[in-house]
Structure formats: structure tokens, C-alpha cells
Amino acid sequence: SALWTATMGSAASSFLSVQLANKDAERAARTTPEERLQQEIKKVEVQLTHAREPSTGCCGGGEVDETKVERLENRLMELTEIQAKRAAAKNFFDVTVPKNGKPGDVLEVIAPDGRVVRATVPPGLAEGAVFQCSLLPVAEAAPVGTTSDV
């Protein structure tokens, strides 16, 4: 009977582990990439805060593991750069120069969010070329060759 209990305990533990893994997978499926990135940033920030505190364990000696701090700082910088690039990418969309289009032409195009936006064909582009159009107001310094009237 002790063997039966141990076997059942192991089986129940495995079942519970699978159920928890399934719930984690379901939760991850419901979060957006932006939310997952923000969660990862917060996790690294907490780890970095703890890593900067002198260790107080039996073997710690009150020292900060500088290698770990540097690794976490680099990871945090990498994640915040990804976040900034994603945010910036949301402010632009591709525009294709239409038939008979030429540099300087002002086009009225529909942005991904449904707004009608004016975009100026940049110098050096011709029919079929693709350029980036900013969704930011012109006063916010759209990149050279693009304009936006919001």
C-alpha cells in the first residue's frame, strides 16, 4: 500500500505539472507580444535590482556579482531597444508610388488605422517604389521624404 501511495503521488504530481504547464501556455496565448515584452522587461528589472544588492548568504560575503549585473543590464538594454523599435514601427507604414507617380507628388493614402493621410513621394523614387509614411504630425519631424497631415 505504501508503494501504491507513492505511485499515485507521483502520477498525481505529473498530472498537476501538466495541468500547470497547460494553464501557462493558455495564459501566454492570450497575451500580446507587447505584453510579453513588457513582462520580460519587468522581470529583468527585478532581477537587476536584486543583483545590485550585496549578497548576504553564508558564502556571499556582502559582494555584488558584477558579471551578473552587467549581463542583466545588457539584457535590459536589449529589451528596451526592441520595445522602442516596435513603438516606432507603429508610427510608419509602407506606401507604393502609384502609376505615373513621381518625386514631389502628394498622395492621399489610407493608413492602417483607417485615416486618410497625405504622403509626398520622396526624391529619386518612381512608379512601383515603396517608401515609409509617418503617422506622426509633420511638427513631430517625420523622416525626410515623408509627410503626414493628421
Protein backbone atom coordinates (compact mmCIF):
# COMPACT_ATOMS: atom_id res chain seq x y z
CA SER A 1 0.00 0.00 0.00
CA ALA A 2 2.94 2.32 0.59
CA LEU A 3 4.09 1.60 -2.98
CA TRP A 4 0.59 2.30 -4.27
CA THR A 5 0.56 5.68 -2.44
CA ALA A 6 3.99 6.59 -3.77
CA THR A 7 2.97 5.65 -7.31
CA MET A 8 -0.29 7.58 -7.08
CA GLY A 9 1.52 10.55 -5.56
CA SER A 10 3.96 10.55 -8.47
CA ALA A 11 1.16 10.22 -11.02
CA ALA A 12 -0.84 13.00 -9.36
CA SER A 13 2.25 15.19 -9.28
CA SER A 14 2.87 14.58 -13.01
CA PHE A 15 -0.78 15.31 -13.80
CA LEU A 16 -0.61 18.54 -11.79
CA SER A 17 2.60 19.58 -13.58
CA VAL A 18 0.96 19.02 -16.97
CA GLN A 19 -2.12 20.98 -15.92
CA LEU A 20 0.00 23.91 -14.71
CA ALA A 21 2.03 23.88 -17.94
CA ASN A 22 -1.21 23.92 -19.96
CA LYS A 23 -2.52 26.91 -17.97
CA ASP A 24 0.78 28.76 -18.52
CA ALA A 25 0.54 28.06 -22.27
CA GLU A 26 -3.07 29.29 -22.35
CA ARG A 27 -2.10 32.45 -20.48
CA ALA A 28 0.79 33.08 -22.88
CA ALA A 29 -1.53 32.61 -25.86
CA ARG A 30 -3.84 35.31 -24.51
CA THR A 31 -1.09 37.92 -24.12
CA THR A 32 0.15 40.08 -26.95
CA PRO A 33 3.82 40.22 -27.94
CA GLU A 34 3.95 43.74 -26.46
CA GLU A 35 2.59 42.46 -23.14
CA ARG A 36 5.08 39.58 -23.09
CA LEU A 37 7.92 42.00 -23.84
CA GLN A 38 6.78 44.32 -21.03
CA GLN A 39 6.58 41.33 -18.64
CA GLU A 40 10.12 40.29 -19.60
CA ILE A 41 11.39 43.84 -19.05
CA LYS A 42 9.80 43.95 -15.58
CA LYS A 43 11.26 40.52 -14.74
CA VAL A 44 14.77 41.63 -15.75
CA GLU A 45 14.38 44.91 -13.83
CA VAL A 46 13.52 42.97 -10.65
CA GLN A 47 16.43 40.58 -11.21
CA LEU A 48 18.75 43.53 -11.76
CA THR A 49 17.57 45.23 -8.56
CA HIS A 50 18.30 42.06 -6.59
CA ALA A 51 21.63 41.53 -8.36
CA ARG A 52 22.77 45.03 -7.35
CA GLU A 53 22.16 44.25 -3.67
CA PRO A 54 25.13 42.76 -1.83
CA SER A 55 24.59 39.06 -1.20
CA THR A 56 24.09 38.14 2.46
CA GLY A 57 24.14 34.35 2.37
CA CYS A 58 26.70 32.14 4.12
CA CYS A 59 29.04 32.33 1.13
CA GLY A 60 28.08 35.77 -0.14
CA GLY A 61 30.42 37.94 1.84
CA GLY A 62 28.31 41.01 1.05
CA GLU A 63 29.60 41.34 -2.51
CA VAL A 64 27.76 42.26 -5.70
CA ASP A 65 28.19 39.88 -8.64
CA GLU A 66 29.29 42.48 -11.21
CA THR A 67 29.24 39.93 -14.04
CA LYS A 68 25.60 39.14 -13.35
CA VAL A 69 24.74 42.84 -13.05
CA GLU A 70 26.42 43.57 -16.38
CA ARG A 71 24.64 40.66 -18.09
CA LEU A 72 21.26 41.84 -16.77
CA GLU A 73 21.95 45.46 -17.73
CA ASN A 74 22.80 44.35 -21.26
CA ARG A 75 19.64 42.25 -21.45
CA LEU A 76 17.52 45.15 -20.19
CA MET A 77 19.09 47.49 -22.76
CA GLU A 78 18.40 44.94 -25.50
CA LEU A 79 14.75 44.57 -24.45
CA THR A 80 14.16 48.32 -24.23
CA GLU A 81 15.68 48.79 -27.70
CA ILE A 82 13.29 46.15 -29.06
CA GLN A 83 10.41 47.93 -27.35
CA ALA A 84 11.46 51.30 -28.82
CA LYS A 85 11.80 49.83 -32.33
CA ARG A 86 8.35 48.24 -32.08
CA ALA A 87 6.82 51.51 -30.90
CA ALA A 88 8.50 53.45 -33.71
CA ALA A 89 7.38 50.89 -36.30
CA LYS A 90 3.75 51.50 -35.32
CA ASN A 91 4.11 55.11 -36.45
CA PHE A 92 5.01 54.22 -40.05
CA PHE A 93 3.51 52.26 -42.91
CA ASP A 94 4.56 51.43 -46.45
CA VAL A 95 3.29 53.41 -49.42
CA THR A 96 3.80 52.34 -53.03
CA VAL A 97 4.32 55.06 -55.63
CA PRO A 98 1.32 54.74 -58.00
CA LYS A 99 1.36 54.52 -61.78
CA ASN A 100 2.73 57.75 -63.24
CA GLY A 101 3.83 58.85 -59.74
CA LYS A 102 6.95 61.00 -59.48
CA PRO A 103 9.01 62.73 -56.79
CA GLY A 104 7.16 65.60 -55.15
CA ASP A 105 3.67 64.22 -55.87
CA VAL A 106 1.37 64.45 -52.87
CA LEU A 107 -0.64 61.26 -52.43
CA GLU A 108 -3.70 60.71 -50.30
CA VAL A 109 -3.41 57.23 -48.85
CA ILE A 110 -5.35 55.25 -46.29
CA ALA A 111 -3.29 54.43 -43.21
CA PRO A 112 -3.63 51.05 -41.47
CA ASP A 113 -5.82 52.69 -38.80
CA GLY A 114 -8.25 53.95 -41.49
CA ARG A 115 -7.19 57.61 -41.53
CA VAL A 116 -6.59 59.37 -44.83
CA VAL A 117 -3.03 60.66 -44.77
CA ARG A 118 -1.06 62.79 -47.24
CA ALA A 119 2.35 61.46 -48.27
CA THR A 120 4.87 63.16 -50.54
CA VAL A 121 6.79 60.93 -52.95
CA PRO A 122 10.47 61.30 -51.98
CA PRO A 123 13.17 62.35 -54.47
CA GLY A 124 14.58 59.55 -56.60
CA LEU A 125 11.52 57.31 -56.48
CA ALA A 126 9.32 56.28 -59.37
CA GLU A 127 6.26 54.16 -60.09
CA GLY A 128 6.20 50.95 -58.04
CA ALA A 129 8.81 52.08 -55.47
CA VAL A 130 7.92 51.71 -51.80
CA PHE A 131 8.61 54.31 -49.11
CA GLN A 132 7.69 54.79 -45.46
CA CYS A 133 4.96 57.22 -44.47
CA SER A 134 4.73 58.62 -40.96
CA LEU A 135 1.53 58.66 -38.94
CA LEU A 136 3.01 61.37 -36.72
CA PRO A 137 2.03 65.01 -37.31
CA VAL A 138 4.54 66.87 -39.51
CA ALA A 139 5.55 69.00 -36.49
CA GLU A 140 6.96 65.83 -34.89
CA ALA A 141 9.60 65.66 -37.62
CA ALA A 142 8.65 62.90 -39.98
CA PRO A 143 11.64 61.34 -41.76
CA VAL A 144 12.99 63.02 -44.86
CA GLY A 145 10.80 62.30 -47.85
CA THR A 146 7.61 61.60 -45.93
CA THR A 147 4.89 63.82 -44.59
CA SER A 148 1.73 63.28 -42.70
CA ASP A 149 -1.24 65.52 -42.07
CA VAL A 150 -3.11 64.13 -39.10
